[in-house]
Amino acid sequence: MYHTSFTYRARVVAPFSLVVAASLFVAAPSQGRNMAQTASRPASDSRRVGVAALSPLLAAAERNQPDKVRLLLASGVPVDARDEDGATALTRAAELGHTQVVKLLLDNNSDINARTDAGVTALFAASAMGRIEVVETLLARKADVNVKDVKGRAPLRLAAGHGHADIVRRLLETPGIEIDARAADGATALILAAQSGETACVKLLLAGRADVHIAGNRGATALMAASAKGHAAVVALLLGRSSANERDSGGVTPLMMAVEGGHRTVVRLLLANRANPNASDEKGWTPLMLAAMDGDPEIARSLLEKHAGVDAANEDGWTALMLMAQEGRTAIAKLLLDHNANTSRTNSAGETALQIAARNDRADIAALLETVAVNRRRSD
């Protein structure tokens, strides 16, 4: 029997997560730091001060109060004192886009590349949150453009994934930028931008000669990521540089991902660019089988018009007709039968499509299959 939880989407969506503001500075949210844990740090950790001592400077930076920040620094408050997540006032001000405070802290020798416990710097935070003025300021002061957090993510990836095209453009102008830097999940800025449907960022990255052939740890390229999410404009851009028939380590193609996601426009686009409708993955699954299981007649019709093999079988002997019978997709049944799908073929368990329909109480499909089988016998 086929695998009922079968999906290609997990190959793309799961590993390529974006940072969110709530967890920007947290190294491991599940560990949940608290005041007691902060207070118990060794006294030799000179970077840190108690939360009570730090809060005035941190609060002033967060509230965009440059005059108060200036007074606190003049009174001797350490410019790079850390909060419980390891963030400095500079990192917090950068996250919130407080350019004047950022400049003031830098003028007072704040460490421009100071990292939180999660590895976040001021440039990383500003890039993730779309703070272009802060990014300009930090780059002018020579912030490390390729800094990575504990998950291996760089500012360019975060800016591209969130659609901050102005920041992507500025980062790409910086000498030494690593355009194809890969995070721990193997994804690049281009893959994130493609998955998120950020067309402007994809254009900028392609103009900067980002490598379209790099795949994440689960084998998905930028084209696969865009196809799985249904981003037709991005797919169109990438098809000029990528093959519509590229495969991941399991033999999955962009067309399979688009079919499984129900993305009709992307399916048609891929087929128009010579995507193979008969390509199968390592388990023998074809795009038509996925369409039959998911029940989209428009996608099934598009595949059949490109001569998809109607009787192809996966490693368990299941054909598109059998999958249709299992799922009760009546509209698909008529399409497949109109293309002479074999009603007498059996799977590895010895079942025909008719028997599968009967077993699953698909009375209308069973009746249709039986009628077609009788008519075919008479015509023979």
Protein backbone atom coordinates (compact mmCIF):
# COMPACT_ATOMS: atom_id res chain seq x y z
CA MET A 1 0.00 0.00 0.00
CA TYR A 2 1.20 3.52 -0.69
CA HIS A 3 2.52 5.78 2.06
CA THR A 4 -0.43 7.86 3.25
CA SER A 5 1.74 10.64 4.73
CA PHE A 6 3.75 11.01 1.55
CA THR A 7 4.88 14.59 0.94
CA TYR A 8 7.63 16.48 -0.81
CA ARG A 9 6.92 19.77 0.91
CA ALA A 10 8.83 18.71 4.03
CA ARG A 11 12.00 18.56 1.95
CA VAL A 12 11.78 22.30 1.40
CA VAL A 13 9.81 24.03 4.10
CA ALA A 14 11.10 22.35 7.25
CA PRO A 15 14.79 23.20 7.12
CA PHE A 16 14.66 26.73 5.75
CA SER A 17 13.25 28.70 8.65
CA LEU A 18 13.50 32.46 9.01
CA VAL A 19 14.37 34.30 12.18
CA VAL A 20 11.50 35.99 13.99
CA ALA A 21 11.81 39.04 16.19
CA ALA A 22 10.82 37.22 19.37
CA SER A 23 13.72 34.75 19.05
CA LEU A 24 16.29 36.99 17.39
CA PHE A 25 18.66 37.03 20.33
CA VAL A 26 17.87 33.70 21.95
CA ALA A 27 20.40 30.92 21.44
CA ALA A 28 18.10 28.11 22.53
CA PRO A 29 14.52 29.19 23.32
CA SER A 30 13.69 25.86 24.94
CA GLN A 31 16.30 26.48 27.61
CA GLY A 32 14.48 29.61 28.80
CA ARG A 33 16.95 31.77 30.70
CA ASN A 34 15.70 33.45 33.82
CA MET A 35 16.99 35.94 36.39
CA ALA A 36 18.43 33.23 38.62
CA GLN A 37 20.41 31.74 35.78
CA THR A 38 21.75 35.18 34.88
CA ALA A 39 22.77 35.90 38.46
CA SER A 40 24.53 32.55 38.79
CA ARG A 41 27.09 33.28 36.06
CA PRO A 42 30.67 33.32 37.26
CA ALA A 43 32.00 36.70 38.37
CA SER A 44 34.88 36.24 35.92
CA ASP A 45 32.47 36.78 33.03
CA SER A 46 33.35 40.47 32.79
CA ARG A 47 31.15 41.08 29.77
CA ARG A 48 28.03 40.78 31.87
CA VAL A 49 26.41 42.89 34.50
CA GLY A 50 23.28 42.33 36.50
CA VAL A 51 20.01 43.09 34.78
CA ALA A 52 19.25 45.88 37.22
CA ALA A 53 22.55 47.65 36.43
CA LEU A 54 22.10 47.29 32.70
CA SER A 55 18.44 48.17 32.34
CA PRO A 56 18.75 51.98 32.23
CA LEU A 57 21.12 51.96 29.24
CA LEU A 58 19.25 49.16 27.54
CA ALA A 59 15.91 50.89 28.13
CA ALA A 60 17.23 54.20 26.83
CA ALA A 61 18.60 52.53 23.71
CA GLU A 62 15.35 50.66 23.10
CA ARG A 63 13.25 53.78 23.65
CA ASN A 64 15.38 55.84 21.27
CA GLN A 65 16.56 58.31 23.92
CA PRO A 66 20.00 59.47 22.73
CA ASP A 67 20.32 62.20 25.37
CA LYS A 68 19.77 59.70 28.17
CA VAL A 69 22.17 57.25 26.54
CA ARG A 70 24.81 60.01 26.44
CA LEU A 71 24.30 60.82 30.13
CA LEU A 72 24.48 57.17 31.17
CA LEU A 73 27.69 56.62 29.26
CA ALA A 74 29.18 59.76 30.76
CA SER A 75 28.32 58.41 34.22
CA GLY A 76 30.43 55.33 33.58
CA VAL A 77 27.88 52.72 32.49
CA PRO A 78 29.81 50.21 30.32
CA VAL A 79 28.89 50.75 26.68
CA ASP A 80 28.94 47.02 25.94
CA ALA A 81 27.25 45.70 29.06
CA ARG A 82 25.05 42.71 28.19
CA ASP A 83 21.52 41.70 29.01
CA GLU A 84 20.44 38.17 29.88
CA ASP A 85 20.58 37.10 26.20
CA GLY A 86 24.01 38.57 25.65
CA ALA A 87 22.74 41.57 23.68
CA THR A 88 24.33 44.99 24.00
CA ALA A 89 22.57 48.33 23.72
CA LEU A 90 23.99 48.61 20.20
CA THR A 91 22.40 45.36 19.10
CA ARG A 92 19.03 46.33 20.53
CA ALA A 93 19.13 49.81 19.00
CA ALA A 94 20.09 48.33 15.64
CA GLU A 95 17.20 45.87 15.78
CA LEU A 96 14.74 48.69 16.38
CA GLY A 97 16.19 51.03 13.78
CA HIS A 98 17.35 53.78 16.17
CA THR A 99 20.07 55.21 13.94
CA GLN A 100 21.01 58.15 16.14
CA VAL A 101 21.49 55.91 19.16
CA VAL A 102 23.51 53.46 17.06
CA LYS A 103 25.85 56.25 15.95
CA LEU A 104 26.21 57.52 19.51
CA LEU A 105 27.11 54.08 20.84
CA LEU A 106 29.63 53.55 18.05
CA ASP A 107 31.17 56.95 18.76
CA ASN A 108 31.67 55.70 22.31
CA ASN A 109 33.54 52.62 21.06
CA SER A 110 30.79 50.04 21.28
CA ASP A 111 31.96 46.76 19.75
CA ILE A 112 30.36 46.81 16.32
CA ASN A 113 30.67 43.03 15.97
CA ALA A 114 29.59 42.08 19.49
CA ARG A 115 27.59 38.86 19.38
CA THR A 116 24.68 37.73 21.50
CA ASP A 117 24.50 34.20 22.86
CA ALA A 118 22.68 33.33 19.63
CA GLY A 119 25.51 34.83 17.58
CA VAL A 120 23.51 37.90 16.51
CA THR A 121 25.36 41.15 15.79
CA ALA A 122 24.00 44.63 15.22
CA LEU A 123 24.28 44.20 11.44
CA PHE A 124 22.53 40.84 11.59
CA ALA A 125 19.67 42.30 13.63
CA ALA A 126 19.28 45.37 11.43
CA SER A 127 19.33 43.27 8.26
CA ALA A 128 16.73 40.86 9.56
CA MET A 129 14.40 43.67 10.64
CA GLY A 130 14.76 45.81 7.51
CA ARG A 131 16.57 48.76 9.10
CA ILE A 132 18.32 50.19 6.03
CA GLU A 133 19.66 53.38 7.67
CA VAL A 134 21.24 51.35 10.46
CA VAL A 135 22.68 48.90 7.93
CA GLU A 136 24.24 51.81 6.01
CA THR A 137 25.72 53.18 9.23
CA LEU A 138 27.17 49.85 10.32
CA LEU A 139 28.66 49.04 6.93
CA ALA A 140 30.25 52.50 6.79
CA ARG A 141 31.89 51.64 10.13
CA LYS A 142 33.19 48.33 8.69
CA ALA A 143 30.85 45.86 10.41
CA ASP A 144 31.54 42.23 9.49
CA VAL A 145 29.21 41.61 6.54
CA ASN A 146 29.61 37.83 6.66
CA VAL A 147 29.03 37.29 10.37
CA LYS A 148 26.94 34.23 11.17
CA ASP A 149 24.72 33.31 14.08
CA VAL A 150 24.83 29.98 15.88
CA LYS A 151 22.75 28.42 13.10
CA GLY A 152 25.18 29.61 10.45
CA ARG A 153 22.84 32.29 9.07
CA ALA A 154 24.36 35.48 7.67
CA PRO A 155 22.78 38.95 7.31
CA LEU A 156 22.29 38.52 3.55
CA ARG A 157 20.21 35.39 4.06
CA LEU A 158 17.94 37.07 6.59
CA ALA A 159 17.46 40.19 4.49
CA ALA A 160 16.69 38.13 1.37
CA GLY A 161 14.31 35.78 3.13
CA HIS A 162 12.34 38.68 4.59
CA GLY A 163 12.19 40.58 1.32
CA HIS A 164 14.35 43.56 2.29
CA ALA A 165 15.54 44.27 -1.24
CA ASP A 166 17.19 47.60 -0.37
CA ILE A 167 19.32 45.88 2.24
CA VAL A 168 20.13 42.96 -0.05
CA ARG A 169 21.32 45.47 -2.66
CA ARG A 170 23.51 47.30 -0.14
CA LEU A 171 25.00 44.11 1.27
CA LEU A 172 25.83 42.87 -2.24
CA GLU A 173 27.72 46.10 -2.88
CA THR A 174 30.01 45.38 0.06
CA PRO A 175 33.45 44.00 -0.91
CA GLY A 176 33.98 40.45 0.26
CA ILE A 177 30.30 39.55 0.62
CA GLU A 178 29.80 35.78 0.49
CA ILE A 179 26.75 35.56 -1.73
CA ASP A 180 26.52 31.77 -1.56
CA ALA A 181 27.16 31.34 2.16
CA ARG A 182 25.32 28.31 3.51
CA ALA A 183 23.78 27.99 6.94
CA ALA A 184 23.64 24.83 9.03
CA ASP A 185 20.58 23.71 7.05
CA GLY A 186 22.51 24.11 3.80
CA ALA A 187 20.31 26.91 2.49
CA THR A 188 21.65 30.05 0.85
CA ALA A 189 20.18 33.53 0.57
CA LEU A 190 18.89 32.63 -2.90
CA ILE A 191 17.08 29.54 -1.64
CA LEU A 192 15.42 31.55 1.15
CA ALA A 193 14.38 34.34 -1.19
CA ALA A 194 13.00 31.79 -3.67
CA GLN A 195 11.06 29.92 -1.00
CA SER A 196 9.61 33.17 0.34
CA GLY A 197 8.63 34.39 -3.13
CA GLU A 198 10.75 37.53 -2.84
CA THR A 199 11.11 38.24 -6.56
CA ALA A 200 13.06 41.50 -6.21
CA CYS A 201 15.61 39.83 -3.93
CA VAL A 202 15.93 36.88 -6.28
CA LYS A 203 16.65 39.25 -9.16
CA LEU A 204 19.37 41.01 -7.16
CA LEU A 205 20.98 37.74 -6.12
CA LEU A 206 20.93 36.37 -9.66
CA ALA A 207 22.46 39.62 -10.93
CA GLY A 208 25.17 39.09 -8.31
CA ARG A 209 25.77 35.61 -9.76
CA ALA A 210 24.37 33.56 -6.91
CA ASP A 211 24.76 29.85 -7.61
CA VAL A 212 21.37 28.40 -8.60
CA HIS A 213 22.65 24.83 -8.34
CA ILE A 214 23.36 24.80 -4.60
CA ALA A 215 20.95 22.61 -2.65
CA GLY A 216 20.06 22.58 1.02
CA ASN A 217 20.75 19.61 3.26
CA ARG A 218 17.53 17.90 2.13
CA GLY A 219 18.41 18.38 -1.51
CA ALA A 220 16.15 21.30 -2.48
CA THR A 221 17.52 23.97 -4.80
CA ALA A 222 16.11 27.48 -5.23
CA LEU A 223 13.96 26.27 -8.14
CA MET A 224 12.55 23.43 -6.06
CA ALA A 225 11.86 25.76 -3.15
CA ALA A 226 9.98 28.20 -5.37
CA SER A 227 8.10 25.39 -7.13
CA ALA A 228 7.01 23.80 -3.87
CA LYS A 229 5.60 27.10 -2.63
CA GLY A 230 3.98 28.07 -5.93
CA HIS A 231 5.94 31.25 -6.63
CA ALA A 232 5.51 31.42 -10.41
CA ALA A 233 7.40 34.68 -10.94
CA VAL A 234 10.45 33.33 -9.14
CA VAL A 235 10.22 30.01 -10.99
CA ALA A 236 10.20 31.91 -14.29
CA LEU A 237 13.36 33.77 -13.29
CA LEU A 238 15.18 30.64 -12.21
CA LEU A 239 14.23 28.59 -15.27
CA GLY A 240 16.51 30.80 -17.32
CA ARG A 241 19.44 29.40 -15.34
CA SER A 242 18.23 26.07 -13.92
CA SER A 243 17.03 22.84 -15.48
CA ALA A 244 13.34 22.07 -15.07
CA ASN A 245 14.42 18.45 -14.61
CA GLU A 246 16.92 18.85 -11.79
CA ARG A 247 16.54 16.30 -9.00
CA ASP A 248 17.27 16.10 -5.33
CA SER A 249 18.94 13.13 -3.65
CA GLY A 250 15.64 11.22 -3.69
CA GLY A 251 14.98 11.82 -7.37
CA VAL A 252 12.34 14.48 -6.73
CA THR A 253 11.91 17.14 -9.42
CA PRO A 254 10.48 20.68 -9.27
CA LEU A 255 7.45 19.43 -11.21
CA MET A 256 6.67 16.82 -8.55
CA MET A 257 6.85 19.48 -5.86
CA ALA A 258 4.58 21.84 -7.77
CA VAL A 259 2.05 19.09 -8.48
CA GLU A 260 1.99 17.96 -4.89
CA GLY A 261 1.48 21.57 -3.79
CA GLY A 262 -1.40 22.05 -6.21
CA HIS A 263 0.27 24.97 -7.98
CA ARG A 264 -1.33 24.94 -11.42
CA THR A 265 0.49 27.94 -12.88
CA VAL A 266 3.88 26.62 -11.86
CA VAL A 267 3.04 23.18 -13.24
CA ARG A 268 2.18 24.67 -16.62
CA LEU A 269 5.29 26.84 -16.54
CA LEU A 270 7.56 23.89 -15.83
CA LEU A 271 5.94 21.74 -18.49
CA ALA A 272 6.33 24.58 -21.01
CA ASN A 273 10.03 24.52 -20.15
CA ARG A 274 10.37 20.81 -20.92
CA ALA A 275 9.89 19.38 -17.46
CA ASN A 276 9.57 15.61 -17.86
CA PRO A 277 6.02 14.53 -16.92
CA ASN A 278 7.21 10.92 -16.66
CA ALA A 279 10.13 11.45 -14.31
CA SER A 280 9.85 9.30 -11.20
CA ASP A 281 11.46 9.55 -7.79
CA GLU A 282 13.38 6.79 -6.04
CA LYS A 283 10.10 5.15 -4.98
CA GLY A 284 8.68 5.21 -8.49
CA TRP A 285 6.21 8.06 -7.91
CA THR A 286 5.40 10.21 -10.94
CA PRO A 287 3.72 13.62 -11.16
CA LEU A 288 0.49 12.04 -12.46
CA MET A 289 0.30 9.75 -9.44
CA LEU A 290 0.55 12.79 -7.18
CA ALA A 291 -2.15 14.60 -9.13
CA ALA A 292 -4.41 11.54 -8.94
CA MET A 293 -3.93 11.31 -5.20
CA ASP A 294 -4.42 15.03 -4.54
CA GLY A 295 -7.39 15.25 -6.89
CA ASP A 296 -6.66 18.29 -9.03
CA PRO A 297 -8.16 17.60 -12.48
CA GLU A 298 -6.58 20.69 -14.06
CA ILE A 299 -3.09 19.55 -13.11
CA ALA A 300 -3.84 15.99 -14.20
CA ARG A 301 -5.09 17.30 -17.55
CA SER A 302 -1.94 19.39 -18.02
CA LEU A 303 0.22 16.33 -17.41
CA LEU A 304 -1.81 14.09 -19.70
CA GLU A 305 -1.63 16.68 -22.47
CA LYS A 306 2.15 16.34 -22.23
CA HIS A 307 1.84 12.56 -22.56
CA ALA A 308 2.26 11.54 -18.95
CA GLY A 309 2.26 7.76 -18.66
CA VAL A 310 -1.20 6.87 -17.46
CA ASP A 311 -0.30 3.31 -16.41
CA ALA A 312 3.09 3.96 -14.78
CA ALA A 313 3.40 2.17 -11.43
CA ASN A 314 5.42 2.92 -8.32
CA GLU A 315 7.53 0.37 -6.44
CA ASP A 316 4.40 -1.07 -4.80
CA GLY A 317 2.65 -1.48 -8.12
CA TRP A 318 0.23 1.38 -7.57
CA THR A 319 -0.88 3.34 -10.64
CA ALA A 320 -2.58 6.71 -10.86
CA LEU A 321 -5.92 4.95 -11.34
CA MET A 322 -5.45 2.95 -8.13
CA LEU A 323 -4.49 6.06 -6.16
CA MET A 324 -7.54 7.83 -7.51
CA ALA A 325 -9.71 4.92 -6.41
CA GLN A 326 -8.17 4.96 -2.94
CA GLU A 327 -8.80 8.68 -2.49
CA GLY A 328 -12.16 8.86 -4.25
CA ARG A 329 -11.25 11.40 -6.91
CA THR A 330 -14.13 11.04 -9.35
CA ALA A 331 -13.08 13.87 -11.68
CA ILE A 332 -9.63 12.32 -11.99
CA ALA A 333 -11.18 8.91 -12.69
CA LYS A 334 -12.93 10.19 -15.81
CA LEU A 335 -9.76 11.83 -17.09
CA LEU A 336 -7.64 8.73 -16.61
CA LEU A 337 -10.23 6.45 -18.16
CA ASP A 338 -10.61 8.79 -21.14
CA HIS A 339 -6.87 8.25 -21.63
CA ASN A 340 -7.32 4.46 -21.59
CA ALA A 341 -6.02 3.75 -18.11
CA ASN A 342 -5.73 -0.01 -17.54
CA THR A 343 -8.58 -1.17 -15.25
CA SER A 344 -7.36 -4.76 -14.93
CA ARG A 345 -3.84 -4.08 -13.71
CA THR A 346 -3.02 -5.20 -10.15
CA ASN A 347 -0.68 -3.80 -7.51
CA SER A 348 1.80 -5.80 -5.42
CA ALA A 349 -1.08 -6.85 -3.15
CA GLY A 350 -3.00 -8.22 -6.12
CA GLU A 351 -5.70 -5.56 -6.09
CA THR A 352 -7.22 -3.80 -9.08
CA ALA A 353 -8.49 -0.23 -9.00
CA LEU A 354 -12.05 -1.58 -8.81
CA GLN A 355 -11.24 -3.70 -5.75
CA ILE A 356 -9.50 -0.77 -4.10
CA ALA A 357 -12.54 1.45 -4.70
CA ALA A 358 -14.87 -1.20 -3.28
CA ARG A 359 -12.69 -1.72 -0.22
CA ASN A 360 -12.80 2.00 0.50
CA ASP A 361 -16.55 2.39 -0.09
CA ARG A 362 -16.11 4.49 -3.23
CA ALA A 363 -19.37 3.30 -4.75
CA ASP A 364 -19.56 5.87 -7.54
CA ILE A 365 -16.00 5.17 -8.67
CA ALA A 366 -16.48 1.43 -8.40
CA ALA A 367 -19.57 1.67 -10.60
CA LEU A 368 -17.71 3.78 -13.15
CA LEU A 369 -14.78 1.37 -13.26
CA GLU A 370 -17.05 -1.62 -13.63
CA THR A 371 -19.01 0.01 -16.45
CA VAL A 372 -15.82 0.93 -18.33
CA ALA A 373 -14.40 -2.56 -17.88
CA VAL A 374 -17.60 -4.16 -19.23
CA ASN A 375 -17.71 -1.80 -22.22
CA ARG A 376 -14.08 -2.50 -23.01
CA ARG A 377 -14.67 -6.25 -22.93
CA ARG A 378 -17.62 -5.88 -25.30
CA SER A 379 -15.60 -3.76 -27.72
CA ASP A 380 -12.84 -6.36 -27.76
